Amino acid sequence: MQLPRDAVLLRVFFGEDDKFERLPLYEAIVLKAREMHLAGATVLRGHLGFGHSSHIHTTKILRLAQDLPVIVEIVDSQEKINAFLPVLDTMMTSGLVTIEKVQVLQYGAGSISGGAG
């Protein structure tokens, strides 16, 4: 699979306890991204965070870790991310979704450079 140098980073923020069809939401998003042949997805688990409710979620000792923040990151072309967004919308009930333009410098074994090499 080839990624363009000018790509898009999709970030999806939500709580670890969020579900989609009995699966953890992060797992459902990654599986759907794979099914739709996106370049890749990474799930990051936060140690501390808060969202629109301003309730702190933390892993600190002496507190029960509960509904920790999760971020799913996906990088691909603008077109493929745009096609994924409506699907993502049906999977989420709350959370934050951001998109930013990125430059892909390497994907897989080879370098993605514009010059000779």
N, C-alpha and C. Protein backbone atom coordinates (compact mmCIF):
# COMPACT_ATOMS: atom_id res chain seq x y z
N MET A 1 0.84 -1.18 0.00
CA MET A 1 0.00 0.00 0.00
C MET A 1 0.89 1.24 0.00
N GLN A 2 0.54 2.19 -0.81
CA GLN A 2 1.31 3.42 -0.93
C GLN A 2 0.56 4.57 -0.27
N LEU A 3 1.27 5.38 0.48
CA LEU A 3 0.70 6.57 1.09
C LEU A 3 1.25 7.80 0.39
N PRO A 4 0.41 8.79 0.14
CA PRO A 4 0.94 10.02 -0.45
C PRO A 4 1.76 10.78 0.58
N ARG A 5 2.71 11.57 0.12
CA ARG A 5 3.53 12.38 1.03
C ARG A 5 2.64 13.33 1.81
N ASP A 6 1.70 13.99 1.14
CA ASP A 6 0.75 14.87 1.82
C ASP A 6 -0.48 14.04 2.18
N ALA A 7 -0.63 13.78 3.46
CA ALA A 7 -1.69 12.90 3.95
C ALA A 7 -2.47 13.61 5.05
N VAL A 8 -3.35 12.86 5.70
CA VAL A 8 -4.20 13.40 6.75
C VAL A 8 -4.11 12.49 7.97
N LEU A 9 -4.03 13.11 9.15
CA LEU A 9 -4.05 12.38 10.42
C LEU A 9 -5.42 12.57 11.04
N LEU A 10 -6.11 11.47 11.25
CA LEU A 10 -7.39 11.46 11.94
C LEU A 10 -7.14 11.02 13.37
N ARG A 11 -7.60 11.81 14.32
CA ARG A 11 -7.50 11.44 15.74
C ARG A 11 -8.90 11.37 16.31
N VAL A 12 -9.16 10.29 17.04
CA VAL A 12 -10.46 10.08 17.65
C VAL A 12 -10.25 9.91 19.16
N PHE A 13 -10.84 10.80 19.95
CA PHE A 13 -10.69 10.80 21.40
C PHE A 13 -12.01 10.34 22.02
N PHE A 14 -11.94 9.42 22.97
CA PHE A 14 -13.14 8.96 23.67
C PHE A 14 -12.71 8.20 24.92
N GLY A 15 -13.66 7.62 25.62
CA GLY A 15 -13.38 6.88 26.85
C GLY A 15 -13.20 5.40 26.60
N GLU A 16 -12.35 4.80 27.39
CA GLU A 16 -12.03 3.38 27.27
C GLU A 16 -13.27 2.49 27.40
N ASP A 17 -14.26 2.93 28.14
CA ASP A 17 -15.46 2.12 28.37
C ASP A 17 -16.47 2.20 27.21
N ASP A 18 -16.25 3.08 26.23
CA ASP A 18 -17.18 3.21 25.11
C ASP A 18 -17.20 1.93 24.29
N LYS A 19 -18.40 1.57 23.82
CA LYS A 19 -18.59 0.33 23.07
C LYS A 19 -19.28 0.60 21.74
N PHE A 20 -19.10 -0.35 20.82
CA PHE A 20 -19.86 -0.38 19.58
C PHE A 20 -20.18 -1.85 19.30
N GLU A 21 -21.46 -2.17 19.28
CA GLU A 21 -21.90 -3.55 19.06
C GLU A 21 -21.15 -4.55 19.93
N ARG A 22 -21.11 -4.30 21.20
CA ARG A 22 -20.51 -5.16 22.24
C ARG A 22 -18.99 -5.25 22.19
N LEU A 23 -18.35 -4.58 21.26
CA LEU A 23 -16.89 -4.51 21.22
C LEU A 23 -16.43 -3.20 21.84
N PRO A 24 -15.24 -3.16 22.43
CA PRO A 24 -14.69 -1.86 22.81
C PRO A 24 -14.62 -0.99 21.56
N LEU A 25 -14.98 0.28 21.68
CA LEU A 25 -15.03 1.17 20.52
C LEU A 25 -13.69 1.24 19.81
N TYR A 26 -12.58 1.28 20.57
CA TYR A 26 -11.27 1.35 19.93
C TYR A 26 -11.01 0.14 19.05
N GLU A 27 -11.43 -1.02 19.49
CA GLU A 27 -11.25 -2.24 18.69
C GLU A 27 -12.14 -2.21 17.44
N ALA A 28 -13.37 -1.78 17.60
CA ALA A 28 -14.29 -1.69 16.47
C ALA A 28 -13.78 -0.71 15.41
N ILE A 29 -13.22 0.42 15.85
CA ILE A 29 -12.69 1.41 14.91
C ILE A 29 -11.51 0.83 14.13
N VAL A 30 -10.58 0.18 14.82
CA VAL A 30 -9.41 -0.40 14.17
C VAL A 30 -9.83 -1.48 13.17
N LEU A 31 -10.76 -2.34 13.57
CA LEU A 31 -11.23 -3.40 12.67
C LEU A 31 -11.90 -2.82 11.42
N LYS A 32 -12.71 -1.77 11.61
CA LYS A 32 -13.38 -1.14 10.47
C LYS A 32 -12.37 -0.44 9.56
N ALA A 33 -11.36 0.21 10.15
CA ALA A 33 -10.32 0.86 9.36
C ALA A 33 -9.56 -0.17 8.52
N ARG A 34 -9.30 -1.31 9.11
CA ARG A 34 -8.61 -2.40 8.38
C ARG A 34 -9.49 -2.92 7.26
N GLU A 35 -10.77 -3.12 7.57
CA GLU A 35 -11.73 -3.60 6.57
C GLU A 35 -11.82 -2.65 5.37
N MET A 36 -11.70 -1.35 5.65
CA MET A 36 -11.79 -0.34 4.59
C MET A 36 -10.44 -0.03 3.95
N HIS A 37 -9.42 -0.83 4.30
CA HIS A 37 -8.09 -0.75 3.70
C HIS A 37 -7.39 0.58 3.94
N LEU A 38 -7.60 1.16 5.14
CA LEU A 38 -6.83 2.33 5.49
C LEU A 38 -5.41 1.87 5.81
N ALA A 39 -4.46 2.79 5.74
CA ALA A 39 -3.04 2.45 5.83
C ALA A 39 -2.66 1.83 7.18
N GLY A 40 -3.30 2.25 8.25
CA GLY A 40 -2.99 1.70 9.57
C GLY A 40 -3.68 2.49 10.66
N ALA A 41 -3.76 1.91 11.83
CA ALA A 41 -4.39 2.56 12.96
C ALA A 41 -3.62 2.21 14.23
N THR A 42 -3.53 3.15 15.14
CA THR A 42 -2.86 2.94 16.41
C THR A 42 -3.77 3.40 17.53
N VAL A 43 -3.84 2.60 18.60
CA VAL A 43 -4.64 2.95 19.77
C VAL A 43 -3.68 3.35 20.89
N LEU A 44 -3.92 4.53 21.45
CA LEU A 44 -3.13 5.04 22.57
C LEU A 44 -4.03 5.16 23.79
N ARG A 45 -3.55 4.70 24.93
CA ARG A 45 -4.31 4.78 26.18
C ARG A 45 -3.70 5.86 27.05
N GLY A 46 -4.54 6.78 27.49
CA GLY A 46 -4.06 7.86 28.33
C GLY A 46 -4.02 7.49 29.80
N HIS A 47 -3.15 8.17 30.53
CA HIS A 47 -3.06 7.96 31.97
C HIS A 47 -3.87 8.97 32.75
N LEU A 48 -4.16 10.09 32.10
CA LEU A 48 -4.88 11.17 32.77
C LEU A 48 -5.54 12.01 31.70
N GLY A 49 -6.78 12.42 31.95
CA GLY A 49 -7.45 13.28 30.99
C GLY A 49 -8.84 13.66 31.45
N PHE A 50 -9.44 14.60 30.72
CA PHE A 50 -10.83 14.95 30.94
C PHE A 50 -11.42 15.40 29.63
N GLY A 51 -12.73 15.34 29.55
CA GLY A 51 -13.43 15.74 28.33
C GLY A 51 -14.45 16.80 28.62
N HIS A 52 -15.56 16.79 27.86
CA HIS A 52 -16.57 17.83 27.98
C HIS A 52 -17.21 17.89 29.37
N SER A 53 -17.20 16.79 30.12
CA SER A 53 -17.79 16.79 31.46
C SER A 53 -16.86 17.38 32.51
N SER A 54 -15.58 17.58 32.17
CA SER A 54 -14.53 18.06 33.07
C SER A 54 -14.23 17.09 34.22
N HIS A 55 -14.76 15.87 34.14
CA HIS A 55 -14.45 14.84 35.14
C HIS A 55 -13.07 14.25 34.82
N ILE A 56 -12.17 14.23 35.81
CA ILE A 56 -10.82 13.70 35.61
C ILE A 56 -10.85 12.17 35.63
N HIS A 57 -10.22 11.57 34.63
CA HIS A 57 -10.04 10.12 34.55
C HIS A 57 -8.55 9.87 34.69
N THR A 58 -8.17 9.00 35.65
CA THR A 58 -6.74 8.83 35.94
C THR A 58 -6.42 7.40 36.33
N THR A 59 -5.12 7.06 36.25
CA THR A 59 -4.63 5.76 36.69
C THR A 59 -3.90 5.87 38.03
N LYS A 60 -3.99 7.04 38.67
CA LYS A 60 -3.24 7.24 39.92
C LYS A 60 -3.56 6.16 40.95
N ILE A 61 -2.53 5.80 41.70
CA ILE A 61 -2.68 4.81 42.77
C ILE A 61 -3.66 5.37 43.81
N LEU A 62 -4.36 4.49 44.48
CA LEU A 62 -5.39 4.80 45.46
C LEU A 62 -6.71 5.24 44.82
N ARG A 63 -6.75 5.25 43.51
CA ARG A 63 -8.00 5.51 42.79
C ARG A 63 -8.22 4.36 41.83
N LEU A 64 -9.45 3.99 41.66
CA LEU A 64 -9.78 2.96 40.70
C LEU A 64 -9.72 3.55 39.30
N ALA A 65 -8.87 2.98 38.45
CA ALA A 65 -8.78 3.46 37.07
C ALA A 65 -10.10 3.17 36.37
N GLN A 66 -10.71 4.21 35.86
CA GLN A 66 -12.05 4.06 35.31
C GLN A 66 -12.21 4.92 34.06
N ASP A 67 -12.67 4.32 33.00
CA ASP A 67 -12.96 5.00 31.75
C ASP A 67 -11.83 5.93 31.32
N LEU A 68 -10.62 5.37 31.23
CA LEU A 68 -9.45 6.16 30.86
C LEU A 68 -9.56 6.69 29.44
N PRO A 69 -8.85 7.79 29.16
CA PRO A 69 -8.90 8.34 27.80
C PRO A 69 -8.23 7.40 26.80
N VAL A 70 -8.80 7.34 25.61
CA VAL A 70 -8.25 6.55 24.52
C VAL A 70 -8.20 7.44 23.28
N ILE A 71 -7.13 7.30 22.51
CA ILE A 71 -7.00 8.01 21.24
C ILE A 71 -6.70 6.97 20.16
N VAL A 72 -7.45 7.02 19.08
CA VAL A 72 -7.15 6.20 17.91
C VAL A 72 -6.62 7.15 16.85
N GLU A 73 -5.45 6.83 16.30
CA GLU A 73 -4.85 7.64 15.24
C GLU A 73 -4.80 6.84 13.95
N ILE A 74 -5.20 7.48 12.87
CA ILE A 74 -5.18 6.86 11.55
C ILE A 74 -4.61 7.88 10.57
N VAL A 75 -3.63 7.46 9.76
CA VAL A 75 -3.06 8.32 8.73
C VAL A 75 -3.33 7.68 7.38
N ASP A 76 -3.87 8.48 6.48
CA ASP A 76 -4.09 8.02 5.11
C ASP A 76 -4.36 9.24 4.24
N SER A 77 -4.73 9.00 3.00
CA SER A 77 -5.03 10.10 2.07
C SER A 77 -6.31 10.80 2.52
N GLN A 78 -6.46 12.05 2.09
CA GLN A 78 -7.66 12.83 2.40
C GLN A 78 -8.92 12.08 1.94
N GLU A 79 -8.87 11.50 0.76
CA GLU A 79 -10.03 10.80 0.20
C GLU A 79 -10.44 9.60 1.05
N LYS A 80 -9.46 8.80 1.48
CA LYS A 80 -9.79 7.61 2.27
C LYS A 80 -10.28 7.98 3.66
N ILE A 81 -9.71 9.02 4.24
CA ILE A 81 -10.19 9.48 5.56
C ILE A 81 -11.60 10.04 5.41
N ASN A 82 -11.85 10.82 4.36
CA ASN A 82 -13.20 11.36 4.13
C ASN A 82 -14.23 10.24 3.97
N ALA A 83 -13.86 9.14 3.32
CA ALA A 83 -14.78 8.01 3.17
C ALA A 83 -15.02 7.30 4.49
N PHE A 84 -14.05 7.36 5.39
CA PHE A 84 -14.17 6.69 6.68
C PHE A 84 -15.02 7.48 7.68
N LEU A 85 -15.04 8.79 7.56
CA LEU A 85 -15.74 9.64 8.53
C LEU A 85 -17.22 9.31 8.72
N PRO A 86 -18.02 9.10 7.67
CA PRO A 86 -19.43 8.76 7.90
C PRO A 86 -19.60 7.43 8.65
N VAL A 87 -18.71 6.49 8.39
CA VAL A 87 -18.74 5.20 9.10
C VAL A 87 -18.42 5.42 10.57
N LEU A 88 -17.39 6.21 10.83
CA LEU A 88 -17.00 6.52 12.20
C LEU A 88 -18.15 7.20 12.94
N ASP A 89 -18.85 8.08 12.27
CA ASP A 89 -19.97 8.81 12.87
C ASP A 89 -21.06 7.85 13.36
N THR A 90 -21.29 6.77 12.65
CA THR A 90 -22.31 5.80 13.07
C THR A 90 -21.85 4.97 14.27
N MET A 91 -20.55 4.92 14.51
CA MET A 91 -20.00 4.10 15.59
C MET A 91 -19.93 4.83 16.92
N MET A 92 -19.87 6.16 16.88
CA MET A 92 -19.63 6.95 18.09
C MET A 92 -20.90 7.63 18.58
N THR A 93 -21.05 7.68 19.90
CA THR A 93 -22.14 8.45 20.50
C THR A 93 -21.61 9.74 21.11
N SER A 94 -20.35 9.76 21.49
CA SER A 94 -19.71 10.97 22.02
C SER A 94 -18.21 10.85 21.81
N GLY A 95 -17.54 11.96 21.95
CA GLY A 95 -16.09 11.97 21.76
C GLY A 95 -15.69 13.18 20.94
N LEU A 96 -14.43 13.21 20.57
CA LEU A 96 -13.87 14.31 19.80
C LEU A 96 -13.12 13.71 18.62
N VAL A 97 -13.34 14.28 17.44
CA VAL A 97 -12.66 13.83 16.23
C VAL A 97 -11.94 15.02 15.63
N THR A 98 -10.64 14.87 15.36
CA THR A 98 -9.87 15.94 14.75
C THR A 98 -9.17 15.41 13.51
N ILE A 99 -8.88 16.33 12.60
CA ILE A 99 -8.14 16.01 11.38
C ILE A 99 -7.08 17.09 11.20
N GLU A 100 -5.89 16.67 10.84
CA GLU A 100 -4.86 17.64 10.50
C GLU A 100 -4.03 17.11 9.34
N LYS A 101 -3.49 18.03 8.57
CA LYS A 101 -2.64 17.66 7.45
C LYS A 101 -1.26 17.30 7.98
N VAL A 102 -0.70 16.22 7.43
CA VAL A 102 0.63 15.77 7.83
C VAL A 102 1.43 15.45 6.58
N GLN A 103 2.74 15.41 6.73
CA GLN A 103 3.63 14.95 5.67
C GLN A 103 4.18 13.60 6.08
N VAL A 104 3.99 12.61 5.25
CA VAL A 104 4.50 11.27 5.50
C VAL A 104 5.94 11.21 5.01
N LEU A 105 6.86 10.92 5.90
CA LEU A 105 8.27 10.83 5.54
C LEU A 105 8.70 9.39 5.29
N GLN A 106 8.04 8.46 5.97
CA GLN A 106 8.37 7.05 5.77
C GLN A 106 7.15 6.22 6.11
N TYR A 107 6.91 5.19 5.30
CA TYR A 107 5.83 4.25 5.55
C TYR A 107 6.32 2.90 5.08
N GLY A 108 6.45 1.97 5.99
CA GLY A 108 7.02 0.68 5.64
C GLY A 108 8.54 0.77 5.57
N ALA A 109 9.13 0.04 4.66
CA ALA A 109 10.58 -0.06 4.59
C ALA A 109 11.23 1.09 3.85
N GLY A 110 10.53 1.70 2.91
CA GLY A 110 11.16 2.72 2.07
C GLY A 110 10.85 4.12 2.52
N SER A 111 11.70 5.03 2.12
CA SER A 111 11.50 6.44 2.41
C SER A 111 10.62 7.05 1.34
N ILE A 112 9.78 8.01 1.72
CA ILE A 112 8.95 8.72 0.77
C ILE A 112 9.54 10.10 0.60
N SER A 113 10.53 10.22 -0.27
CA SER A 113 11.17 11.51 -0.47
C SER A 113 10.97 11.97 -1.90
N GLY A 114 10.95 13.26 -2.07
CA GLY A 114 10.76 13.81 -3.40
C GLY A 114 12.04 13.86 -4.21
N GLY A 115 13.19 13.75 -3.53
CA GLY A 115 14.46 13.87 -4.23
C GLY A 115 15.04 12.52 -4.60
N ALA A 116 16.24 12.57 -5.15
CA ALA A 116 16.93 11.34 -5.54
C ALA A 116 17.36 10.58 -4.28
N GLY A 117 17.39 9.31 -4.37
CA GLY A 117 17.79 8.57 -3.18
C GLY A 117 17.81 7.19 -3.43
